[in-house]
Every structure is written in structure tokens, then in C-alpha cells.
């Protein structure tokens, strides 16, 4: 393990578990100093225990704009006049359920974290990445953690998929705007990854849909997605890809990372959309009622 250096300092949000934790571990192994955002002090202490002085925990919720800016000020003080090497926007949640039976507040909560939270963090750290031209060093990069669901919507994860579709558009626009400062924006679109996000989705109160026409299908899709998540790629694979995006001289603008790329990405793109609709409907029992 190389000695941690503030010359390659990285901010990672949602660093307590899963992809965020894996991104921290990989960056530390590569000699970067990581500022890792978490919401709970217990998670901050866990990071200190595992990584020692190579990691500085930042305790904030991405939806709390004032707290995010306070975190950015803490990083700025540590960096001195240096620029930030990278920002990894990873924090996110998944809100499950059939859209017709979800309150607007459910969608608002999904977007508050997965999109507006990204915006809060990006704005707060933009100066450190290179928008402040007085800082020294090469402009940094932003890595956005999207999803296969950011290009292909599935039943019962409509809020999550919608937020990731929005993130994809946000990222493309941002990438083109930040050419002005030399700050690159790269999107990663994972498929099923073995992370606690699926366990958190399982904990959502799905009983409220038991009296709807979607009751049986909801149970099937939750079981399917939990199995997919638990059998998914290890988070370390995404952590490695994140570091590639931060360090490669000529990165692509978007990287999918899927266990079954043909089934998860290629096939849905080459088949007629109505055919894909019907395949999904039959699998979940979403047959038209007569």
C-alpha cells in the first residue's frame, strides 16, 4: 500500500458500505488520501479503524446543503492550495413499489438523495476540483455512480430508475459545461452489485401494496431483485473501475459493469421494446386483466 497523499485526494460519498467503501479501499491502496462521507459517527469510526490516517471521515447527509458545504470547507482547509483529484458521487437509495400506489413524497425522497444530493455535493466541491482557477494542480474528475436502471426502466423500481435516468442527463450536461475548467465527468452504470442497498429496499414497507392489483407481482420482483443483488458482482469490481475512471489518461464517458452484459444490456437494446415489455410482464405475472 502506497503512502496516502493529499496530492491525490479523493472525496467519496456514501462510503459506509458497498460501492463507496470499496472505492475508498481501492483509492487508499493506490496512495490517495480519501475524504469519505457518511451519515453516522459509528460509520466514521469504522473507517478510522480500518484505514487509519489515510482516510478523513466527513459526517454529512447529501440532502443537507449546509452540512455538505461545511464538509467541503473542511476538505479545502486540508488541501491548502491543492486541487482535489476526484469526486465520487455514490450515495443513493432505492425506493421500491408500483408507481400508481406511491405517494409523490416517495418520489421526492428518491430524487432528494439520488439527484438533488448529487447536485449539492457537486456544487460544494466544484471549486476544489478546478472551478477555482487559483488552485494548483491538474483539474480533478467527477465519477457519477448511475445504474443499468439509468438506461432501462424496470417495474417496481420506477423512482430509482427515474432518478438514475435523470442523473445520466445531468451528468452529460455537466460534462459539457465543465469543459470550461478541464473537469471531466464520467458515469459508471453498474448492474446487480452485492451491496446493502438491496437489503435496505427489502426493509421498505411493501405491505401497503398487499391490497392492490400488484400484490403478487410486487412479491415476485422484490424476491428477484434481492437475489440478483446478493448474487451480483462484488463491490470491489466497481471500486477498481472507479479508480480507473479517476486515473486513466483517456477515460470513456460511460462504463457499464454487468455480470451478464448480453442479457442485461445488449438484448434489451436489440429486441423490439414491446417484446421486452411482454417478456417482463410474463415473468412478473403482469398479464392484462379482462
Protein backbone atom coordinates (compact mmCIF):
# COMPACT_ATOMS: atom_id res chain seq x y z
CA UNK A 1 0.00 0.00 0.00
CA UNK A 2 1.40 3.39 -1.05
CA UNK A 3 1.59 6.27 1.41
CA UNK A 4 -1.56 8.39 1.33
CA UNK A 5 -1.01 11.71 -0.40
CA UNK A 6 -3.07 14.88 -0.46
CA UNK A 7 -1.73 15.43 -3.98
CA UNK A 8 -4.21 12.72 -4.97
CA UNK A 9 -7.07 13.46 -2.61
CA UNK A 10 -10.48 11.97 -3.39
CA UNK A 11 -13.94 12.59 -1.93
CA UNK A 12 -16.31 9.61 -1.86
CA UNK A 13 -19.94 9.96 -0.74
CA UNK A 14 -21.90 7.09 0.74
CA UNK A 15 -18.71 5.45 1.97
CA UNK A 16 -20.07 3.38 4.86
CA UNK A 17 -20.71 0.20 2.85
CA UNK A 18 -20.88 -1.31 -0.63
CA UNK A 19 -19.53 0.54 -3.64
CA UNK A 20 -18.50 3.59 -1.63
CA UNK A 21 -16.49 1.55 0.86
CA UNK A 22 -14.86 -0.37 -1.99
CA UNK A 23 -13.94 2.90 -3.72
CA UNK A 24 -12.30 4.12 -0.51
CA UNK A 25 -10.30 0.90 -0.13
CA UNK A 26 -9.04 0.97 -3.72
CA UNK A 27 -8.06 4.65 -3.56
CA UNK A 28 -6.16 4.08 -0.33
CA UNK A 29 -4.30 1.15 -1.88
CA UNK A 30 -3.32 3.46 -4.75
CA UNK A 31 -1.85 6.01 -2.36
CA UNK A 32 -4.67 8.55 -2.33
CA UNK A 33 -5.95 10.32 0.75
CA UNK A 34 -9.72 9.83 0.91
CA UNK A 35 -12.31 12.13 2.41
CA UNK A 36 -15.18 9.70 2.95
CA UNK A 37 -18.69 10.95 3.64
CA UNK A 38 -21.02 9.03 5.97
CA UNK A 39 -24.11 9.98 7.95
CA UNK A 40 -23.34 8.29 11.26
CA UNK A 41 -20.44 8.66 13.65
CA UNK A 42 -20.29 4.87 14.05
CA UNK A 43 -19.53 4.57 10.33
CA UNK A 44 -16.93 7.32 10.59
CA UNK A 45 -15.20 5.42 13.39
CA UNK A 46 -15.32 2.23 11.35
CA UNK A 47 -13.45 3.99 8.55
CA UNK A 48 -10.84 5.30 11.00
CA UNK A 49 -10.38 1.83 12.45
CA UNK A 50 -9.87 0.20 9.05
CA UNK A 51 -7.88 2.83 7.16
CA UNK A 52 -6.25 4.97 9.84
CA UNK A 53 -4.77 8.30 8.77
CA UNK A 54 -5.31 7.54 5.07
CA UNK A 55 -9.00 8.42 5.43
CA UNK A 56 -10.68 11.51 6.83
CA UNK A 57 -14.38 10.89 7.51
CA UNK A 58 -16.85 13.65 6.64
CA UNK A 59 -20.14 13.39 8.51
CA UNK A 60 -22.98 14.79 6.44
CA UNK A 61 -26.18 13.83 4.67
CA UNK A 62 -26.08 14.77 0.99
CA UNK A 63 -29.54 16.34 1.24
CA UNK A 64 -28.31 18.83 3.87
CA UNK A 65 -26.75 21.54 1.74
CA UNK A 66 -25.26 23.47 4.68
CA UNK A 67 -23.64 20.32 6.07
CA UNK A 68 -22.26 19.41 2.65
CA UNK A 69 -20.70 22.86 2.32
CA UNK A 70 -19.21 22.55 5.79
CA UNK A 71 -17.67 19.25 4.66
CA UNK A 72 -16.23 20.93 1.57
CA UNK A 73 -14.74 23.68 3.75
CA UNK A 74 -13.07 21.01 5.88
CA UNK A 75 -11.55 19.43 2.78
CA UNK A 76 -10.44 22.83 1.46
CA UNK A 77 -8.60 23.54 4.71
CA UNK A 78 -6.79 20.19 4.49
CA UNK A 79 -5.83 20.66 0.83
CA UNK A 80 -4.35 24.10 1.23
CA UNK A 81 -3.95 25.42 -2.31
CA UNK A 82 -4.10 21.99 -3.97
CA UNK A 83 -6.84 20.78 -6.25
CA UNK A 84 -8.97 17.75 -5.49
CA UNK A 85 -8.02 14.70 -7.56
CA UNK A 86 -11.53 13.31 -7.75
CA UNK A 87 -15.11 13.33 -6.50
CA UNK A 88 -17.15 10.12 -6.45
CA UNK A 89 -20.89 10.75 -6.21
CA UNK A 90 -22.03 7.39 -4.90
CA UNK A 91 -24.57 7.99 -2.11
CA UNK A 92 -28.02 6.71 -3.04
CA UNK A 93 -31.12 4.76 -2.05
CA UNK A 94 -33.72 2.62 -3.83
CA UNK A 95 -37.44 3.25 -3.23
CA UNK A 96 -39.48 0.24 -4.44
CA UNK A 97 -43.14 -0.11 -5.32
CA UNK A 98 -45.69 0.27 -8.16
CA UNK A 99 -45.81 3.87 -9.31
CA UNK A 100 -49.59 4.19 -9.21
CA UNK A 101 -49.52 3.45 -5.49
CA UNK A 102 -46.53 5.55 -4.48
CA UNK A 103 -47.06 8.97 -2.97
CA UNK A 104 -45.33 11.94 -4.54
CA UNK A 105 -43.35 12.17 -1.31
CA UNK A 106 -41.81 8.77 -2.07
CA UNK A 107 -40.50 10.03 -5.40
CA UNK A 108 -39.38 13.28 -3.81
CA UNK A 109 -37.32 11.37 -1.23
CA UNK A 110 -35.75 9.31 -4.00
CA UNK A 111 -34.77 12.38 -6.01
CA UNK A 112 -33.65 14.35 -2.95
CA UNK A 113 -30.89 11.82 -2.37
CA UNK A 114 -30.08 10.40 -5.81
CA UNK A 115 -30.19 13.64 -7.80
CA UNK A 116 -30.51 16.76 -5.66
CA UNK A 117 -27.95 15.35 -3.23
CA UNK A 118 -25.54 14.84 -6.13
CA UNK A 119 -26.14 18.45 -7.14
CA UNK A 120 -25.45 19.68 -3.58
CA UNK A 121 -22.18 17.78 -3.43
CA UNK A 122 -21.04 18.68 -6.94
CA UNK A 123 -21.58 22.40 -6.40
CA UNK A 124 -19.90 22.35 -2.99
CA UNK A 125 -16.73 20.66 -4.27
CA UNK A 126 -16.52 22.19 -7.76
CA UNK A 127 -14.07 24.92 -6.74
CA UNK A 128 -11.73 22.33 -5.24
CA UNK A 129 -11.83 20.29 -8.44
CA UNK A 130 -10.76 23.21 -10.61
CA UNK A 131 -13.54 25.77 -10.91
CA UNK A 132 -11.37 27.96 -8.66
CA UNK A 133 -8.54 28.79 -11.04
CA UNK A 134 -6.29 29.98 -8.22
CA UNK A 135 -5.72 26.42 -7.02
CA UNK A 136 -2.71 24.46 -8.23
CA UNK A 137 -2.51 21.10 -9.94
CA UNK A 138 -4.49 19.39 -12.68
CA UNK A 139 -8.28 19.70 -12.66
CA UNK A 140 -9.98 16.80 -10.93
CA UNK A 141 -12.61 14.39 -12.19
CA UNK A 142 -16.14 13.56 -11.13
CA UNK A 143 -17.35 9.96 -11.19
CA UNK A 144 -21.12 9.50 -11.08
CA UNK A 145 -22.49 6.16 -9.94
CA UNK A 146 -25.58 5.56 -12.04
CA UNK A 147 -27.08 2.14 -12.82
CA UNK A 148 -28.19 -0.19 -15.57
CA UNK A 149 -31.57 1.16 -14.41
CA UNK A 150 -30.47 4.57 -15.67
CA UNK A 151 -30.93 3.35 -19.24
CA UNK A 152 -33.57 0.65 -18.86
CA UNK A 153 -36.58 1.11 -16.59
CA UNK A 154 -37.96 -1.89 -14.71
CA UNK A 155 -41.29 -2.38 -12.91
CA UNK A 156 -41.45 -1.59 -9.19
CA UNK A 157 -38.22 0.38 -9.10
CA UNK A 158 -39.64 3.33 -11.02
CA UNK A 159 -38.44 6.02 -8.57
CA UNK A 160 -34.90 4.61 -8.53
CA UNK A 161 -34.77 4.20 -12.30
CA UNK A 162 -36.22 7.68 -12.88
CA UNK A 163 -33.60 9.21 -10.58
CA UNK A 164 -30.81 7.42 -12.44
CA UNK A 165 -32.18 8.42 -15.86
CA UNK A 166 -32.13 11.99 -14.55
CA UNK A 167 -28.58 11.53 -13.27
CA UNK A 168 -27.45 10.37 -16.70
CA UNK A 169 -28.81 13.54 -18.32
CA UNK A 170 -27.45 15.72 -15.53
CA UNK A 171 -24.01 14.15 -15.95
CA UNK A 172 -23.92 14.60 -19.71
CA UNK A 173 -24.86 18.27 -19.47
CA UNK A 174 -22.42 18.82 -16.62
CA UNK A 175 -19.58 17.14 -18.52
CA UNK A 176 -20.02 19.53 -21.42
CA UNK A 177 -20.30 22.58 -19.18
CA UNK A 178 -17.20 21.71 -17.17
CA UNK A 179 -15.00 21.59 -20.26
CA UNK A 180 -14.53 25.27 -19.38
CA UNK A 181 -12.50 24.23 -16.33
CA UNK A 182 -10.99 20.98 -17.65
CA UNK A 183 -13.03 18.94 -15.15
CA UNK A 184 -14.16 15.63 -16.63
CA UNK A 185 -17.38 13.80 -15.68
CA UNK A 186 -17.56 10.03 -16.09
CA UNK A 187 -20.59 7.81 -15.48
CA UNK A 188 -20.49 4.23 -14.24
CA UNK A 189 -23.62 2.14 -14.79
CA UNK A 190 -23.48 -1.00 -12.63
CA UNK A 191 -25.88 -3.88 -12.92
CA UNK A 192 -26.58 -6.04 -9.90
CA UNK A 193 -23.89 -5.48 -7.27
CA UNK A 194 -23.82 -7.33 -3.96
CA UNK A 195 -24.43 -4.28 -1.75
CA UNK A 196 -26.70 -3.44 1.22
CA UNK A 197 -28.89 -1.18 -0.97
CA UNK A 198 -30.99 -4.26 -1.76
CA UNK A 199 -31.36 -5.18 1.89
CA UNK A 200 -32.49 -1.62 2.56
CA UNK A 201 -35.03 -1.95 -0.24
CA UNK A 202 -36.31 -5.14 1.38
CA UNK A 203 -36.87 -3.23 4.60
CA UNK A 204 -39.21 -0.78 2.86
CA UNK A 205 -42.84 -1.30 3.91
CA UNK A 206 -44.20 -3.26 0.96
CA UNK A 207 -47.25 -4.47 2.89
CA UNK A 208 -49.09 -1.32 1.86
CA UNK A 209 -49.40 -2.79 -1.63
CA UNK A 210 -50.98 -6.07 -0.43
CA UNK A 211 -54.50 -4.88 -1.28
CA UNK A 212 -53.64 -3.70 -4.79
CA UNK A 213 -53.67 -5.49 -8.14
CA UNK A 214 -49.87 -5.53 -7.94
CA UNK A 215 -49.61 -7.55 -4.73
CA UNK A 216 -48.43 -10.85 -6.23
CA UNK A 217 -46.12 -9.23 -8.78
CA UNK A 218 -44.55 -6.99 -6.12
CA UNK A 219 -43.52 -10.03 -4.12
CA UNK A 220 -42.01 -11.67 -7.20
CA UNK A 221 -40.00 -8.64 -8.26
CA UNK A 222 -38.65 -7.98 -4.77
CA UNK A 223 -37.53 -11.59 -4.43
CA UNK A 224 -35.94 -11.44 -7.89
CA UNK A 225 -34.08 -8.20 -7.26
CA UNK A 226 -32.85 -9.28 -3.85
CA UNK A 227 -31.49 -12.49 -5.37
CA UNK A 228 -29.90 -10.55 -8.23
CA UNK A 229 -28.31 -8.12 -5.80
CA UNK A 230 -26.97 -10.77 -3.47
CA UNK A 231 -25.60 -12.79 -6.40
CA UNK A 232 -24.23 -9.67 -8.07
CA UNK A 233 -20.70 -8.58 -8.78
CA UNK A 234 -18.55 -7.76 -5.74
CA UNK A 235 -18.34 -4.04 -4.89
CA UNK A 236 -14.55 -4.26 -5.27
CA UNK A 237 -15.01 -4.64 -9.04
CA UNK A 238 -16.74 -1.26 -9.12
CA UNK A 239 -14.13 0.20 -6.78
CA UNK A 240 -11.42 -0.82 -9.25
CA UNK A 241 -13.38 0.71 -12.13
CA UNK A 242 -13.85 3.97 -10.21
CA UNK A 243 -10.09 4.28 -9.78
CA UNK A 244 -9.63 3.57 -13.49
CA UNK A 245 -12.02 6.45 -14.25
CA UNK A 246 -10.08 8.77 -11.96
CA UNK A 247 -6.60 7.83 -13.14
CA UNK A 248 -6.78 6.71 -16.79
CA UNK A 249 -5.34 9.37 -19.15
CA UNK A 250 -8.17 8.93 -21.65
CA UNK A 251 -11.28 7.52 -19.94
CA UNK A 252 -14.54 6.83 -21.74
CA UNK A 253 -17.54 8.98 -20.82
CA UNK A 254 -19.55 5.98 -19.54
CA UNK A 255 -18.73 2.48 -18.34
CA UNK A 256 -21.29 -0.28 -17.82
CA UNK A 257 -20.27 -3.03 -15.42
CA UNK A 258 -22.52 -6.07 -15.59
CA UNK A 259 -22.30 -9.74 -14.69
CA UNK A 260 -24.39 -10.66 -17.75
CA UNK A 261 -23.83 -7.84 -20.27
CA UNK A 262 -25.61 -9.56 -23.13
CA UNK A 263 -28.78 -10.29 -21.14
CA UNK A 264 -28.78 -7.07 -19.14
CA UNK A 265 -27.74 -4.54 -21.77
CA UNK A 266 -27.36 -5.87 -25.30
CA UNK A 267 -30.53 -7.97 -25.62
CA UNK A 268 -32.94 -5.29 -24.32
CA UNK A 269 -31.40 -2.88 -26.86
CA UNK A 270 -31.70 -5.13 -29.92
CA UNK A 271 -35.16 -6.56 -29.24
CA UNK A 272 -38.28 -4.51 -30.07
CA UNK A 273 -39.38 -2.60 -26.97
CA UNK A 274 -42.86 -4.18 -26.99
CA UNK A 275 -41.27 -7.62 -26.97
CA UNK A 276 -39.16 -6.68 -23.96
CA UNK A 277 -42.30 -5.34 -22.26
CA UNK A 278 -44.12 -8.63 -22.82
CA UNK A 279 -41.20 -10.75 -21.59
CA UNK A 280 -41.02 -8.74 -18.36
CA UNK A 281 -44.81 -8.80 -17.93
CA UNK A 282 -44.98 -12.59 -18.27
CA UNK A 283 -42.09 -13.08 -15.87
CA UNK A 284 -43.81 -10.98 -13.21
CA UNK A 285 -47.37 -12.06 -13.90
CA UNK A 286 -48.41 -8.64 -15.14
CA UNK A 287 -50.90 -10.03 -17.65
CA UNK A 288 -53.76 -7.84 -18.80
CA UNK A 289 -56.94 -8.35 -16.81
CA UNK A 290 -60.12 -8.98 -18.76
